[in-house]
């Protein structure tokens, strides 16, 4: 009887171990960051939630091939669902849930928090944001640390966009254009690790601003 009891426990354990939940093909935090960046928020919503956090509950159906089907926003009172679908289309597929090694349809729910900040228009800024040690040093920081050994292309070009906050920190970093997409995540991580910048200034007061940085690497 004891042997049978142990056998039943082992069978139960093995059955549970054969279920693998669905996961994004990139780190989950990166997936959520990309979703937050690509989700278009109408100006009317931004005004309503200015200097607040927009909290959304996202519901996803992950198909057997890893695509997201019919994404939803729980209690979509702000009518952002159509924008959510467009944002999801720009993101990588998922690793589907598997049972006994076979892919199955699954559902995921998670919180998406989007800070809504006031960004000053470029033409209203009296002093633009800049790296504390100058743009040349900032470029050297990225170029010297970026691992391009596996890249065969000699001339690599990227364009990166981010926000410089009032305290000089860099946020909402994303790659707009890239010759070598495999380098995108590393470039974002390098910019995240950079020292704080000098923030933009309007009427003597530090303000949040958007910055676009073209990057060119010539591989010898």
N, C-alpha and C. Protein backbone atom coordinates (compact mmCIF):
# COMPACT_ATOMS: atom_id res chain seq x y z
N UNK A 1 0.83 -1.21 0.00
CA UNK A 1 0.00 0.00 0.00
C UNK A 1 0.87 1.26 0.00
N UNK A 2 1.96 1.23 0.84
CA UNK A 2 2.85 2.37 0.90
C UNK A 2 3.51 2.62 -0.45
N UNK A 3 3.93 1.54 -1.13
CA UNK A 3 4.56 1.68 -2.44
C UNK A 3 3.60 2.30 -3.44
N UNK A 4 2.32 1.89 -3.36
CA UNK A 4 1.30 2.45 -4.26
C UNK A 4 1.11 3.93 -3.97
N UNK A 5 1.13 4.30 -2.69
CA UNK A 5 0.96 5.70 -2.29
C UNK A 5 2.10 6.56 -2.84
N UNK A 6 3.34 6.07 -2.72
CA UNK A 6 4.50 6.78 -3.25
C UNK A 6 4.41 6.91 -4.76
N UNK A 7 3.97 5.84 -5.43
CA UNK A 7 3.82 5.85 -6.88
C UNK A 7 2.81 6.91 -7.31
N UNK A 8 1.71 7.02 -6.57
CA UNK A 8 0.69 8.02 -6.89
C UNK A 8 1.24 9.43 -6.74
N UNK A 9 2.05 9.65 -5.71
CA UNK A 9 2.67 10.96 -5.51
C UNK A 9 3.59 11.30 -6.68
N UNK A 10 4.39 10.33 -7.11
CA UNK A 10 5.31 10.55 -8.22
C UNK A 10 4.56 10.84 -9.50
N UNK A 11 3.47 10.12 -9.75
CA UNK A 11 2.67 10.36 -10.96
C UNK A 11 2.09 11.76 -10.93
N UNK A 12 1.58 12.17 -9.76
CA UNK A 12 1.02 13.51 -9.61
C UNK A 12 2.08 14.57 -9.86
N UNK A 13 3.27 14.38 -9.30
CA UNK A 13 4.36 15.33 -9.47
C UNK A 13 4.77 15.45 -10.93
N UNK A 14 4.89 14.32 -11.61
CA UNK A 14 5.29 14.33 -13.01
C UNK A 14 4.26 15.03 -13.88
N UNK A 15 2.98 14.83 -13.56
CA UNK A 15 1.92 15.48 -14.34
C UNK A 15 2.02 16.99 -14.22
N UNK A 16 2.25 17.49 -12.99
CA UNK A 16 2.38 18.92 -12.79
C UNK A 16 3.62 19.47 -13.48
N UNK A 17 4.70 18.72 -13.43
CA UNK A 17 5.96 19.19 -13.99
C UNK A 17 5.90 19.30 -15.51
N UNK A 18 4.93 18.65 -16.14
CA UNK A 18 4.84 18.67 -17.60
C UNK A 18 4.05 19.87 -18.12
N UNK A 19 3.56 20.72 -17.22
CA UNK A 19 2.84 21.92 -17.63
C UNK A 19 3.79 23.11 -17.54
N UNK A 20 4.00 23.78 -18.67
CA UNK A 20 4.88 24.95 -18.72
C UNK A 20 4.04 26.15 -19.14
N UNK A 21 3.99 27.17 -18.29
CA UNK A 21 3.16 28.34 -18.57
C UNK A 21 3.74 29.18 -19.71
N UNK A 22 2.87 29.93 -20.36
CA UNK A 22 3.29 30.82 -21.45
C UNK A 22 4.16 31.95 -20.90
N UNK A 23 5.19 32.31 -21.68
CA UNK A 23 6.09 33.41 -21.30
C UNK A 23 6.45 34.22 -22.54
N UNK A 24 6.74 35.51 -22.39
CA UNK A 24 7.21 36.28 -23.55
C UNK A 24 8.56 35.75 -24.01
N UNK A 25 8.89 35.97 -25.27
CA UNK A 25 10.18 35.52 -25.80
C UNK A 25 11.31 36.47 -25.42
N UNK A 26 10.96 37.60 -24.80
CA UNK A 26 11.95 38.51 -24.21
C UNK A 26 11.61 38.61 -22.72
N UNK A 27 12.51 39.13 -21.89
CA UNK A 27 12.18 39.27 -20.47
C UNK A 27 10.85 40.00 -20.25
N UNK A 28 10.08 39.54 -19.29
CA UNK A 28 8.73 40.08 -19.07
C UNK A 28 8.75 41.58 -18.83
N UNK A 29 9.72 42.07 -18.05
CA UNK A 29 9.76 43.51 -17.79
C UNK A 29 10.02 44.31 -19.06
N UNK A 30 10.85 43.76 -19.97
CA UNK A 30 11.09 44.43 -21.25
C UNK A 30 9.82 44.43 -22.10
N UNK A 31 9.09 43.32 -22.07
CA UNK A 31 7.84 43.22 -22.83
C UNK A 31 6.86 44.29 -22.36
N UNK A 32 6.72 44.42 -21.04
CA UNK A 32 5.78 45.41 -20.49
C UNK A 32 6.24 46.83 -20.77
N UNK A 33 7.56 47.06 -20.72
CA UNK A 33 8.09 48.40 -21.04
C UNK A 33 7.78 48.76 -22.49
N UNK A 34 8.01 47.80 -23.40
CA UNK A 34 7.72 48.04 -24.81
C UNK A 34 6.23 48.30 -25.04
N UNK A 35 5.40 47.53 -24.34
CA UNK A 35 3.96 47.72 -24.48
C UNK A 35 3.55 49.10 -24.01
N UNK A 36 4.09 49.53 -22.88
CA UNK A 36 3.77 50.86 -22.35
C UNK A 36 4.24 51.96 -23.30
N UNK A 37 5.41 51.76 -23.92
CA UNK A 37 5.95 52.77 -24.83
C UNK A 37 5.15 52.84 -26.13
N UNK A 38 4.69 51.70 -26.62
CA UNK A 38 4.01 51.65 -27.92
C UNK A 38 2.51 51.89 -27.83
N UNK A 39 1.96 51.86 -26.63
CA UNK A 39 0.53 52.10 -26.46
C UNK A 39 0.25 53.59 -26.57
N UNK A 40 -0.47 53.98 -27.59
CA UNK A 40 -0.78 55.39 -27.82
C UNK A 40 -1.88 55.83 -26.85
N UNK A 41 -1.58 56.87 -26.06
CA UNK A 41 -2.54 57.42 -25.11
C UNK A 41 -3.06 58.74 -25.68
N UNK A 42 -4.35 58.87 -25.94
CA UNK A 42 -4.90 60.12 -26.49
C UNK A 42 -4.63 61.30 -25.56
N UNK A 43 -4.52 62.50 -26.15
CA UNK A 43 -4.25 63.70 -25.36
C UNK A 43 -5.31 63.94 -24.29
N UNK A 44 -6.55 63.61 -24.60
CA UNK A 44 -7.63 63.82 -23.62
C UNK A 44 -7.41 62.97 -22.37
N UNK A 45 -6.90 61.75 -22.57
CA UNK A 45 -6.61 60.87 -21.43
C UNK A 45 -5.39 61.39 -20.66
N UNK A 46 -4.38 61.85 -21.40
CA UNK A 46 -3.18 62.39 -20.75
C UNK A 46 -3.53 63.57 -19.87
N UNK A 47 -4.41 64.44 -20.37
CA UNK A 47 -4.81 65.61 -19.57
C UNK A 47 -5.55 65.18 -18.31
N UNK A 48 -6.37 64.16 -18.44
CA UNK A 48 -7.16 63.69 -17.30
C UNK A 48 -6.28 63.08 -16.22
N UNK A 49 -5.19 62.39 -16.64
CA UNK A 49 -4.33 61.70 -15.69
C UNK A 49 -2.96 62.36 -15.57
N UNK A 50 -2.87 63.66 -15.87
CA UNK A 50 -1.59 64.36 -15.85
C UNK A 50 -0.92 64.24 -14.49
N UNK A 51 0.38 63.86 -14.52
CA UNK A 51 1.19 63.67 -13.31
C UNK A 51 0.63 62.57 -12.39
N UNK A 52 -0.06 61.61 -13.00
CA UNK A 52 -0.56 60.45 -12.26
C UNK A 52 -0.11 59.18 -13.00
N UNK A 53 -0.38 58.04 -12.37
CA UNK A 53 -0.13 56.75 -13.02
C UNK A 53 -1.43 56.21 -13.60
N UNK A 54 -1.36 55.80 -14.85
CA UNK A 54 -2.50 55.16 -15.50
C UNK A 54 -2.39 53.66 -15.25
N UNK A 55 -3.34 53.08 -14.53
CA UNK A 55 -3.31 51.66 -14.18
C UNK A 55 -4.29 50.88 -15.04
N UNK A 56 -3.77 49.94 -15.82
CA UNK A 56 -4.60 49.13 -16.71
C UNK A 56 -4.41 47.65 -16.39
N UNK A 57 -5.49 46.90 -16.43
CA UNK A 57 -5.41 45.44 -16.32
C UNK A 57 -5.55 44.85 -17.72
N UNK A 58 -4.48 44.25 -18.20
CA UNK A 58 -4.42 43.72 -19.56
C UNK A 58 -4.73 42.23 -19.55
N UNK A 59 -5.61 41.80 -20.46
CA UNK A 59 -5.98 40.39 -20.59
C UNK A 59 -5.55 39.90 -21.97
N UNK A 60 -4.70 38.89 -21.99
CA UNK A 60 -4.18 38.36 -23.26
C UNK A 60 -4.56 36.90 -23.42
N UNK A 61 -4.92 36.53 -24.65
CA UNK A 61 -5.10 35.12 -25.02
C UNK A 61 -3.92 34.72 -25.89
N UNK A 62 -3.12 33.77 -25.42
CA UNK A 62 -1.93 33.31 -26.15
C UNK A 62 -2.29 32.06 -26.93
N UNK A 63 -2.18 32.11 -28.24
CA UNK A 63 -2.54 30.97 -29.08
C UNK A 63 -1.44 29.91 -29.07
N UNK A 64 -1.71 28.80 -29.75
CA UNK A 64 -0.75 27.69 -29.78
C UNK A 64 0.56 28.06 -30.46
N UNK A 65 0.51 29.03 -31.39
CA UNK A 65 1.75 29.41 -32.08
C UNK A 65 2.42 30.63 -31.46
N UNK A 66 1.90 31.08 -30.31
CA UNK A 66 2.55 32.17 -29.58
C UNK A 66 2.07 33.56 -29.91
N UNK A 67 1.12 33.69 -30.84
CA UNK A 67 0.58 35.01 -31.14
C UNK A 67 -0.47 35.39 -30.09
N UNK A 68 -0.70 36.68 -29.96
CA UNK A 68 -1.70 37.18 -29.01
C UNK A 68 -2.99 37.43 -29.76
N UNK A 69 -4.07 36.82 -29.28
CA UNK A 69 -5.37 36.94 -29.94
C UNK A 69 -6.29 37.82 -29.10
N UNK A 70 -6.87 38.82 -29.77
CA UNK A 70 -7.93 39.64 -29.17
C UNK A 70 -7.57 40.16 -27.77
N UNK A 71 -6.50 40.96 -27.64
CA UNK A 71 -6.14 41.50 -26.33
C UNK A 71 -7.23 42.43 -25.79
N UNK A 72 -7.42 42.40 -24.49
CA UNK A 72 -8.49 43.17 -23.85
C UNK A 72 -7.94 44.02 -22.71
N UNK A 73 -8.68 45.07 -22.39
CA UNK A 73 -8.43 45.86 -21.18
C UNK A 73 -9.65 45.71 -20.29
N UNK A 74 -9.42 45.26 -19.08
CA UNK A 74 -10.55 45.07 -18.16
C UNK A 74 -11.18 46.42 -17.82
N UNK A 75 -12.51 46.48 -17.92
CA UNK A 75 -13.24 47.72 -17.65
C UNK A 75 -12.65 48.90 -18.44
N UNK A 76 -12.67 48.77 -19.75
CA UNK A 76 -12.02 49.75 -20.64
C UNK A 76 -12.83 51.04 -20.74
N UNK A 77 -12.92 51.77 -19.64
CA UNK A 77 -13.69 53.02 -19.63
C UNK A 77 -13.03 54.12 -20.44
N UNK A 78 -11.71 53.99 -20.67
CA UNK A 78 -10.98 55.01 -21.43
C UNK A 78 -10.94 54.70 -22.92
N UNK A 79 -11.50 53.56 -23.31
CA UNK A 79 -11.57 53.15 -24.72
C UNK A 79 -10.19 53.10 -25.38
N UNK A 80 -9.29 52.37 -24.74
CA UNK A 80 -7.92 52.23 -25.25
C UNK A 80 -7.69 50.89 -25.93
N UNK A 81 -8.72 50.06 -26.00
CA UNK A 81 -8.54 48.69 -26.48
C UNK A 81 -8.02 48.62 -27.92
N UNK A 82 -8.54 49.47 -28.79
CA UNK A 82 -8.08 49.45 -30.19
C UNK A 82 -6.61 49.84 -30.27
N UNK A 83 -6.17 50.78 -29.43
CA UNK A 83 -4.76 51.16 -29.40
C UNK A 83 -3.91 50.03 -28.81
N UNK A 84 -4.48 49.29 -27.86
CA UNK A 84 -3.76 48.15 -27.28
C UNK A 84 -3.48 47.11 -28.35
N UNK A 85 -4.45 46.81 -29.19
CA UNK A 85 -4.27 45.81 -30.25
C UNK A 85 -3.14 46.22 -31.20
N UNK A 86 -3.09 47.51 -31.55
CA UNK A 86 -2.03 47.98 -32.45
C UNK A 86 -0.67 47.87 -31.77
N UNK A 87 -0.61 48.18 -30.48
CA UNK A 87 0.66 48.09 -29.75
C UNK A 87 1.14 46.65 -29.65
N UNK A 88 0.21 45.73 -29.37
CA UNK A 88 0.57 44.31 -29.25
C UNK A 88 1.14 43.78 -30.56
N UNK A 89 0.63 44.25 -31.69
CA UNK A 89 1.09 43.79 -33.00
C UNK A 89 2.56 44.10 -33.24
N UNK A 90 3.09 45.10 -32.54
CA UNK A 90 4.50 45.49 -32.73
C UNK A 90 5.45 44.69 -31.84
N UNK A 91 4.91 43.88 -30.94
CA UNK A 91 5.74 43.18 -29.96
C UNK A 91 6.06 41.75 -30.40
N UNK A 92 7.12 41.17 -29.84
CA UNK A 92 7.47 39.78 -30.18
C UNK A 92 6.38 38.80 -29.74
N UNK A 93 6.40 37.62 -30.38
CA UNK A 93 5.48 36.54 -29.99
C UNK A 93 5.83 36.01 -28.59
N UNK A 94 4.94 35.17 -28.08
CA UNK A 94 5.15 34.49 -26.81
C UNK A 94 5.60 33.05 -27.04
N UNK A 95 6.19 32.47 -26.01
CA UNK A 95 6.33 31.02 -25.95
C UNK A 95 5.01 30.48 -25.41
N UNK A 96 4.28 29.69 -26.19
CA UNK A 96 2.95 29.24 -25.74
C UNK A 96 3.04 28.30 -24.54
N UNK A 97 1.95 28.21 -23.82
CA UNK A 97 1.85 27.24 -22.73
C UNK A 97 1.87 25.83 -23.33
N UNK A 98 2.52 24.91 -22.64
CA UNK A 98 2.54 23.52 -23.12
C UNK A 98 2.06 22.57 -22.03
N UNK A 99 1.39 21.54 -22.46
CA UNK A 99 0.98 20.44 -21.58
C UNK A 99 1.48 19.14 -22.19
N UNK A 100 2.31 18.44 -21.44
CA UNK A 100 2.95 17.23 -21.97
C UNK A 100 3.71 17.51 -23.26
N UNK A 101 4.28 18.71 -23.36
CA UNK A 101 5.06 19.08 -24.54
C UNK A 101 4.26 19.60 -25.70
N UNK A 102 2.94 19.62 -25.58
CA UNK A 102 2.07 20.09 -26.66
C UNK A 102 1.58 21.51 -26.37
N UNK A 103 1.71 22.44 -27.35
CA UNK A 103 1.24 23.81 -27.12
C UNK A 103 -0.28 23.86 -26.99
N UNK A 104 -0.75 24.70 -26.08
CA UNK A 104 -2.19 24.88 -25.86
C UNK A 104 -2.49 26.37 -25.72
N UNK A 105 -3.74 26.72 -25.94
CA UNK A 105 -4.18 28.10 -25.76
C UNK A 105 -4.22 28.42 -24.26
N UNK A 106 -3.79 29.62 -23.91
CA UNK A 106 -3.82 30.02 -22.50
C UNK A 106 -4.17 31.50 -22.39
N UNK A 107 -4.44 31.94 -21.18
CA UNK A 107 -4.79 33.34 -20.94
C UNK A 107 -3.90 33.92 -19.85
N UNK A 108 -3.55 35.17 -20.04
CA UNK A 108 -2.70 35.87 -19.08
C UNK A 108 -3.36 37.19 -18.71
N UNK A 109 -3.19 37.58 -17.45
CA UNK A 109 -3.67 38.88 -16.98
C UNK A 109 -2.55 39.53 -16.19
N UNK A 110 -2.32 40.81 -16.44
CA UNK A 110 -1.28 41.51 -15.68
C UNK A 110 -1.59 43.00 -15.64
N UNK A 111 -0.96 43.68 -14.68
CA UNK A 111 -1.13 45.11 -14.51
C UNK A 111 -0.11 45.86 -15.36
N UNK A 112 -0.56 46.89 -16.03
CA UNK A 112 0.33 47.76 -16.79
C UNK A 112 0.19 49.17 -16.20
N UNK A 113 1.30 49.70 -15.68
CA UNK A 113 1.29 51.02 -15.06
C UNK A 113 2.05 51.99 -15.96
N UNK A 114 1.37 53.04 -16.41
CA UNK A 114 1.96 54.02 -17.31
C UNK A 114 1.94 55.39 -16.63
N UNK A 115 3.11 55.93 -16.26
CA UNK A 115 3.14 57.28 -15.69
C UNK A 115 2.83 58.31 -16.77
N UNK A 116 1.96 59.25 -16.46
CA UNK A 116 1.60 60.32 -17.39
C UNK A 116 2.27 61.60 -16.91
N UNK A 117 3.32 62.02 -17.62
CA UNK A 117 4.06 63.22 -17.24
C UNK A 117 3.80 64.33 -18.24
N UNK A 118 4.02 65.54 -17.77
CA UNK A 118 3.93 66.70 -18.66
C UNK A 118 5.27 66.87 -19.36
N UNK A 119 5.26 66.88 -20.69
CA UNK A 119 6.48 67.07 -21.47
C UNK A 119 6.42 68.42 -22.17
N UNK A 120 7.45 69.22 -21.98
CA UNK A 120 7.50 70.56 -22.57
C UNK A 120 7.83 70.45 -24.06
N UNK A 121 7.12 71.22 -24.88
CA UNK A 121 7.38 71.23 -26.32
C UNK A 121 8.81 71.72 -26.57
N UNK A 122 9.46 71.15 -27.59
CA UNK A 122 10.86 71.46 -27.87
C UNK A 122 11.09 72.94 -28.09
N UNK A 123 10.16 73.60 -28.81
CA UNK A 123 10.35 75.01 -29.12
C UNK A 123 10.24 75.91 -27.90
N UNK A 124 9.66 75.40 -26.79
CA UNK A 124 9.49 76.21 -25.58
C UNK A 124 10.69 76.09 -24.65
N UNK A 125 11.63 75.20 -24.94
CA UNK A 125 12.78 74.97 -24.07
C UNK A 125 13.88 75.99 -24.37
N UNK A 126 14.38 76.65 -23.32
CA UNK A 126 15.43 77.65 -23.50
C UNK A 126 16.82 77.02 -23.50
N UNK A 127 16.98 75.87 -22.83
CA UNK A 127 18.26 75.16 -22.82
C UNK A 127 17.98 73.66 -22.93
N UNK A 128 18.41 73.01 -24.02
CA UNK A 128 18.10 71.58 -24.21
C UNK A 128 18.88 70.69 -23.25
N UNK A 129 18.40 69.47 -23.10
CA UNK A 129 19.10 68.50 -22.26
C UNK A 129 20.40 68.08 -22.92
N UNK A 130 21.36 67.63 -22.09
CA UNK A 130 22.66 67.23 -22.62
C UNK A 130 23.39 66.35 -21.62
N UNK A 131 24.28 65.47 -22.10
CA UNK A 131 25.09 64.66 -21.17
C UNK A 131 26.01 65.57 -20.37
N UNK A 132 26.27 65.23 -19.12
CA UNK A 132 27.09 66.09 -18.26
C UNK A 132 28.52 66.23 -18.78
N UNK A 133 29.05 65.19 -19.42
CA UNK A 133 30.41 65.25 -19.94
C UNK A 133 30.45 65.51 -21.44
N UNK A 134 29.33 65.91 -22.01
CA UNK A 134 29.29 66.22 -23.43
C UNK A 134 28.84 65.05 -24.28
N UNK A 135 28.34 65.36 -25.48
CA UNK A 135 27.79 64.34 -26.36
C UNK A 135 28.87 63.38 -26.86
N UNK A 136 30.08 63.89 -27.09
CA UNK A 136 31.15 63.03 -27.59
C UNK A 136 31.46 61.91 -26.60
N UNK A 137 31.53 62.26 -25.31
CA UNK A 137 31.79 61.25 -24.28
C UNK A 137 30.63 60.25 -24.18
N UNK A 138 29.40 60.74 -24.33
CA UNK A 138 28.24 59.86 -24.27
C UNK A 138 28.27 58.84 -25.40
N UNK A 139 28.63 59.30 -26.60
CA UNK A 139 28.73 58.40 -27.75
C UNK A 139 29.84 57.37 -27.54
N UNK A 140 30.98 57.83 -27.03
CA UNK A 140 32.10 56.92 -26.78
C UNK A 140 31.71 55.86 -25.75
N UNK A 141 30.93 56.26 -24.76
CA UNK A 141 30.48 55.32 -23.73
C UNK A 141 29.70 54.17 -24.35
N UNK A 142 28.81 54.50 -25.29
CA UNK A 142 27.98 53.48 -25.94
C UNK A 142 28.81 52.63 -26.90
N UNK A 143 29.57 53.31 -27.76
CA UNK A 143 30.31 52.62 -28.82
C UNK A 143 31.37 51.67 -28.25
N UNK A 144 32.08 52.10 -27.20
CA UNK A 144 33.15 51.27 -26.65
C UNK A 144 32.63 50.07 -25.86
N UNK A 145 31.43 50.20 -25.29
CA UNK A 145 30.88 49.12 -24.48
C UNK A 145 29.99 48.15 -25.27
N UNK A 146 29.53 48.58 -26.44
CA UNK A 146 28.62 47.74 -27.23
C UNK A 146 29.39 46.58 -27.86
N UNK A 147 28.89 45.37 -27.66
CA UNK A 147 29.55 44.17 -28.19
C UNK A 147 29.08 43.92 -29.62
N UNK A 148 29.95 44.23 -30.59
CA UNK A 148 29.59 44.07 -32.01
C UNK A 148 30.41 42.96 -32.66
N UNK A 149 31.01 42.09 -31.85
CA UNK A 149 31.88 41.05 -32.42
C UNK A 149 31.13 40.10 -33.34
N UNK A 150 29.86 39.85 -33.05
CA UNK A 150 29.09 38.90 -33.87
C UNK A 150 28.41 39.58 -35.06
N UNK A 151 28.61 40.88 -35.21
CA UNK A 151 27.97 41.63 -36.29
C UNK A 151 28.94 41.75 -37.46
N UNK A 152 28.50 41.33 -38.64
CA UNK A 152 29.38 41.35 -39.80
C UNK A 152 29.30 42.66 -40.57
N UNK A 153 28.22 43.40 -40.37
CA UNK A 153 28.03 44.66 -41.08
C UNK A 153 29.05 45.68 -40.61
N UNK A 154 29.71 46.36 -41.54
CA UNK A 154 30.76 47.30 -41.18
C UNK A 154 30.25 48.62 -40.65
N UNK A 155 29.14 49.13 -41.21
CA UNK A 155 28.60 50.44 -40.82
C UNK A 155 27.24 50.23 -40.16
N UNK A 156 27.17 50.43 -38.85
CA UNK A 156 25.96 50.16 -38.08
C UNK A 156 25.31 51.48 -37.68
N UNK A 157 24.03 51.63 -37.97
CA UNK A 157 23.32 52.86 -37.64
C UNK A 157 22.07 52.54 -36.83
N UNK A 158 21.87 53.30 -35.76
CA UNK A 158 20.67 53.19 -34.94
C UNK A 158 20.16 54.59 -34.61
N UNK A 159 18.90 54.68 -34.32
CA UNK A 159 18.33 55.93 -33.82
C UNK A 159 17.51 55.59 -32.58
N UNK A 160 17.86 56.23 -31.47
CA UNK A 160 17.25 55.93 -30.18
C UNK A 160 16.51 57.16 -29.66
N UNK A 161 15.37 56.93 -29.04
CA UNK A 161 14.58 58.02 -28.46
C UNK A 161 14.36 57.74 -26.97
N UNK A 162 14.45 58.78 -26.16
CA UNK A 162 14.18 58.62 -24.73
C UNK A 162 13.79 59.97 -24.14
N UNK A 163 13.37 59.93 -22.88
CA UNK A 163 13.02 61.15 -22.16
C UNK A 163 14.09 61.45 -21.12
N UNK A 164 14.42 62.72 -21.00
CA UNK A 164 15.31 63.19 -19.93
C UNK A 164 14.41 63.85 -18.89
N UNK A 165 14.33 63.23 -17.72
CA UNK A 165 13.44 63.74 -16.68
C UNK A 165 14.02 64.98 -16.00
N UNK A 166 13.22 65.60 -15.14
CA UNK A 166 13.65 66.82 -14.46
C UNK A 166 14.91 66.61 -13.63
N UNK A 167 15.11 65.39 -13.13
CA UNK A 167 16.31 65.10 -12.32
C UNK A 167 17.47 64.59 -13.16
N UNK A 168 17.30 64.54 -14.49
CA UNK A 168 18.38 64.11 -15.38
C UNK A 168 18.40 62.62 -15.69
N UNK A 169 17.51 61.85 -15.08
CA UNK A 169 17.46 60.41 -15.37
C UNK A 169 16.85 60.18 -16.75
N UNK A 170 17.22 59.06 -17.38
CA UNK A 170 16.78 58.73 -18.73
C UNK A 170 15.72 57.64 -18.65
N UNK A 171 14.55 57.87 -19.26
CA UNK A 171 13.44 56.93 -19.16
C UNK A 171 12.81 56.69 -20.53
N UNK A 172 11.94 55.68 -20.58
CA UNK A 172 11.18 55.36 -21.80
C UNK A 172 12.09 55.25 -23.03
N UNK A 173 13.17 54.51 -22.87
CA UNK A 173 14.15 54.38 -23.95
C UNK A 173 13.65 53.37 -24.98
N UNK A 174 13.69 53.74 -26.24
CA UNK A 174 13.30 52.80 -27.30
C UNK A 174 14.10 53.08 -28.56
N UNK A 175 14.29 52.04 -29.36
CA UNK A 175 15.02 52.15 -30.62
C UNK A 175 14.01 52.43 -31.73
N UNK A 176 14.19 53.54 -32.43
CA UNK A 176 13.29 53.91 -33.52
C UNK A 176 13.67 53.21 -34.82
N UNK A 177 14.96 53.23 -35.13
CA UNK A 177 15.47 52.58 -36.35
C UNK A 177 16.77 51.86 -36.01
N UNK A 178 16.99 50.72 -36.67
CA UNK A 178 18.20 49.96 -36.39
C UNK A 178 18.58 49.10 -37.59
N UNK A 179 19.86 49.17 -37.98
CA UNK A 179 20.37 48.27 -39.02
C UNK A 179 20.53 46.85 -38.49
N UNK A 180 20.78 46.74 -37.19
CA UNK A 180 21.05 45.44 -36.57
C UNK A 180 20.15 45.28 -35.35
N UNK A 181 18.92 44.77 -35.53
CA UNK A 181 17.98 44.65 -34.41
C UNK A 181 18.50 43.83 -33.23
N UNK A 182 19.43 42.92 -33.49
CA UNK A 182 19.96 42.09 -32.40
C UNK A 182 20.72 42.91 -31.36
N UNK A 183 21.10 44.14 -31.72
CA UNK A 183 21.82 45.01 -30.79
C UNK A 183 20.89 45.91 -29.98
N UNK A 184 19.61 45.93 -30.33
CA UNK A 184 18.69 46.90 -29.73
C UNK A 184 18.64 46.83 -28.20
N UNK A 185 18.45 45.63 -27.67
CA UNK A 185 18.33 45.48 -26.21
C UNK A 185 19.59 45.93 -25.49
N UNK A 186 20.75 45.62 -26.08
CA UNK A 186 22.01 46.00 -25.44
C UNK A 186 22.18 47.52 -25.44
N UNK A 187 21.79 48.16 -26.54
CA UNK A 187 21.87 49.62 -26.62
C UNK A 187 20.98 50.25 -25.56
N UNK A 188 19.76 49.73 -25.42
CA UNK A 188 18.84 50.26 -24.41
C UNK A 188 19.43 50.10 -23.01
N UNK A 189 20.03 48.95 -22.73
CA UNK A 189 20.62 48.71 -21.41
C UNK A 189 21.79 49.65 -21.15
N UNK A 190 22.59 49.93 -22.18
CA UNK A 190 23.72 50.84 -22.02
C UNK A 190 23.24 52.26 -21.72
N UNK A 191 22.21 52.70 -22.41
CA UNK A 191 21.68 54.04 -22.15
C UNK A 191 21.08 54.11 -20.76
N UNK A 192 20.41 53.04 -20.33
CA UNK A 192 19.86 52.99 -18.97
C UNK A 192 20.96 53.12 -17.92
N UNK A 193 22.15 52.61 -18.23
CA UNK A 193 23.26 52.62 -17.26
C UNK A 193 24.08 53.90 -17.30
N UNK A 194 23.76 54.81 -18.21
CA UNK A 194 24.53 56.06 -18.32
C UNK A 194 24.29 56.95 -17.10
N UNK A 195 25.29 57.78 -16.75
CA UNK A 195 25.07 58.77 -15.68
C UNK A 195 23.94 59.73 -16.05
N UNK A 196 23.37 60.36 -15.04
CA UNK A 196 22.29 61.31 -15.30
C UNK A 196 22.77 62.46 -16.19
N UNK A 197 21.84 63.00 -16.97
CA UNK A 197 22.14 64.11 -17.87
C UNK A 197 21.81 65.44 -17.19
N UNK A 198 22.21 66.52 -17.87
CA UNK A 198 21.70 67.84 -17.52
C UNK A 198 20.30 67.94 -18.12
N UNK A 199 19.27 68.16 -17.32
CA UNK A 199 17.91 68.24 -17.88
C UNK A 199 17.71 69.51 -18.70
N UNK A 200 16.71 69.50 -19.54
CA UNK A 200 16.34 70.71 -20.28
C UNK A 200 15.84 71.76 -19.28
N UNK A 201 15.96 73.02 -19.67
CA UNK A 201 15.58 74.12 -18.79
C UNK A 201 14.62 75.05 -19.51
N UNK A 202 13.55 75.41 -18.84
CA UNK A 202 12.61 76.41 -19.35
C UNK A 202 12.40 77.47 -18.28
N UNK A 203 12.72 78.71 -18.62
CA UNK A 203 12.58 79.83 -17.68
C UNK A 203 13.30 79.55 -16.36
N UNK A 204 14.49 78.93 -16.47
CA UNK A 204 15.30 78.68 -15.29
C UNK A 204 14.90 77.47 -14.47
N UNK A 205 13.90 76.71 -14.95
CA UNK A 205 13.39 75.56 -14.20
C UNK A 205 13.64 74.27 -14.99
N UNK A 206 14.22 73.22 -14.38
CA UNK A 206 14.40 71.94 -15.08
C UNK A 206 13.05 71.35 -15.49
N UNK A 207 12.97 70.85 -16.73
CA UNK A 207 11.72 70.28 -17.24
C UNK A 207 12.01 68.96 -17.93
N UNK A 208 10.99 68.16 -18.08
CA UNK A 208 11.08 66.88 -18.80
C UNK A 208 11.10 67.16 -20.30
N UNK A 209 11.95 66.45 -21.04
CA UNK A 209 12.03 66.66 -22.49
C UNK A 209 12.34 65.36 -23.21
N UNK A 210 12.04 65.34 -24.49
CA UNK A 210 12.32 64.17 -25.33
C UNK A 210 13.64 64.39 -26.07
N UNK A 211 14.42 63.32 -26.20
CA UNK A 211 15.71 63.42 -26.89
C UNK A 211 15.83 62.28 -27.89
N UNK A 212 16.27 62.61 -29.10
CA UNK A 212 16.53 61.60 -30.13
C UNK A 212 18.02 61.54 -30.40
N UNK A 213 18.59 60.35 -30.27
CA UNK A 213 20.04 60.19 -30.42
C UNK A 213 20.37 59.25 -31.58
N UNK A 214 20.97 59.78 -32.66
CA UNK A 214 21.46 58.89 -33.72
C UNK A 214 22.81 58.29 -33.32
N UNK A 215 22.99 57.02 -33.54
CA UNK A 215 24.24 56.34 -33.18
C UNK A 215 24.80 55.67 -34.43
N UNK A 216 26.08 55.88 -34.66
CA UNK A 216 26.74 55.24 -35.81
C UNK A 216 28.01 54.56 -35.33
N UNK A 217 28.17 53.31 -35.71
CA UNK A 217 29.35 52.53 -35.33
C UNK A 217 29.98 51.98 -36.61
N UNK A 218 31.22 52.34 -36.84
CA UNK A 218 31.95 51.82 -38.01
C UNK A 218 32.87 50.71 -37.52
N UNK A 219 32.54 49.48 -37.89
CA UNK A 219 33.33 48.33 -37.45
C UNK A 219 34.51 48.14 -38.38
N UNK A 220 35.68 48.12 -37.79
CA UNK A 220 36.90 47.97 -38.58
C UNK A 220 37.12 46.51 -38.97
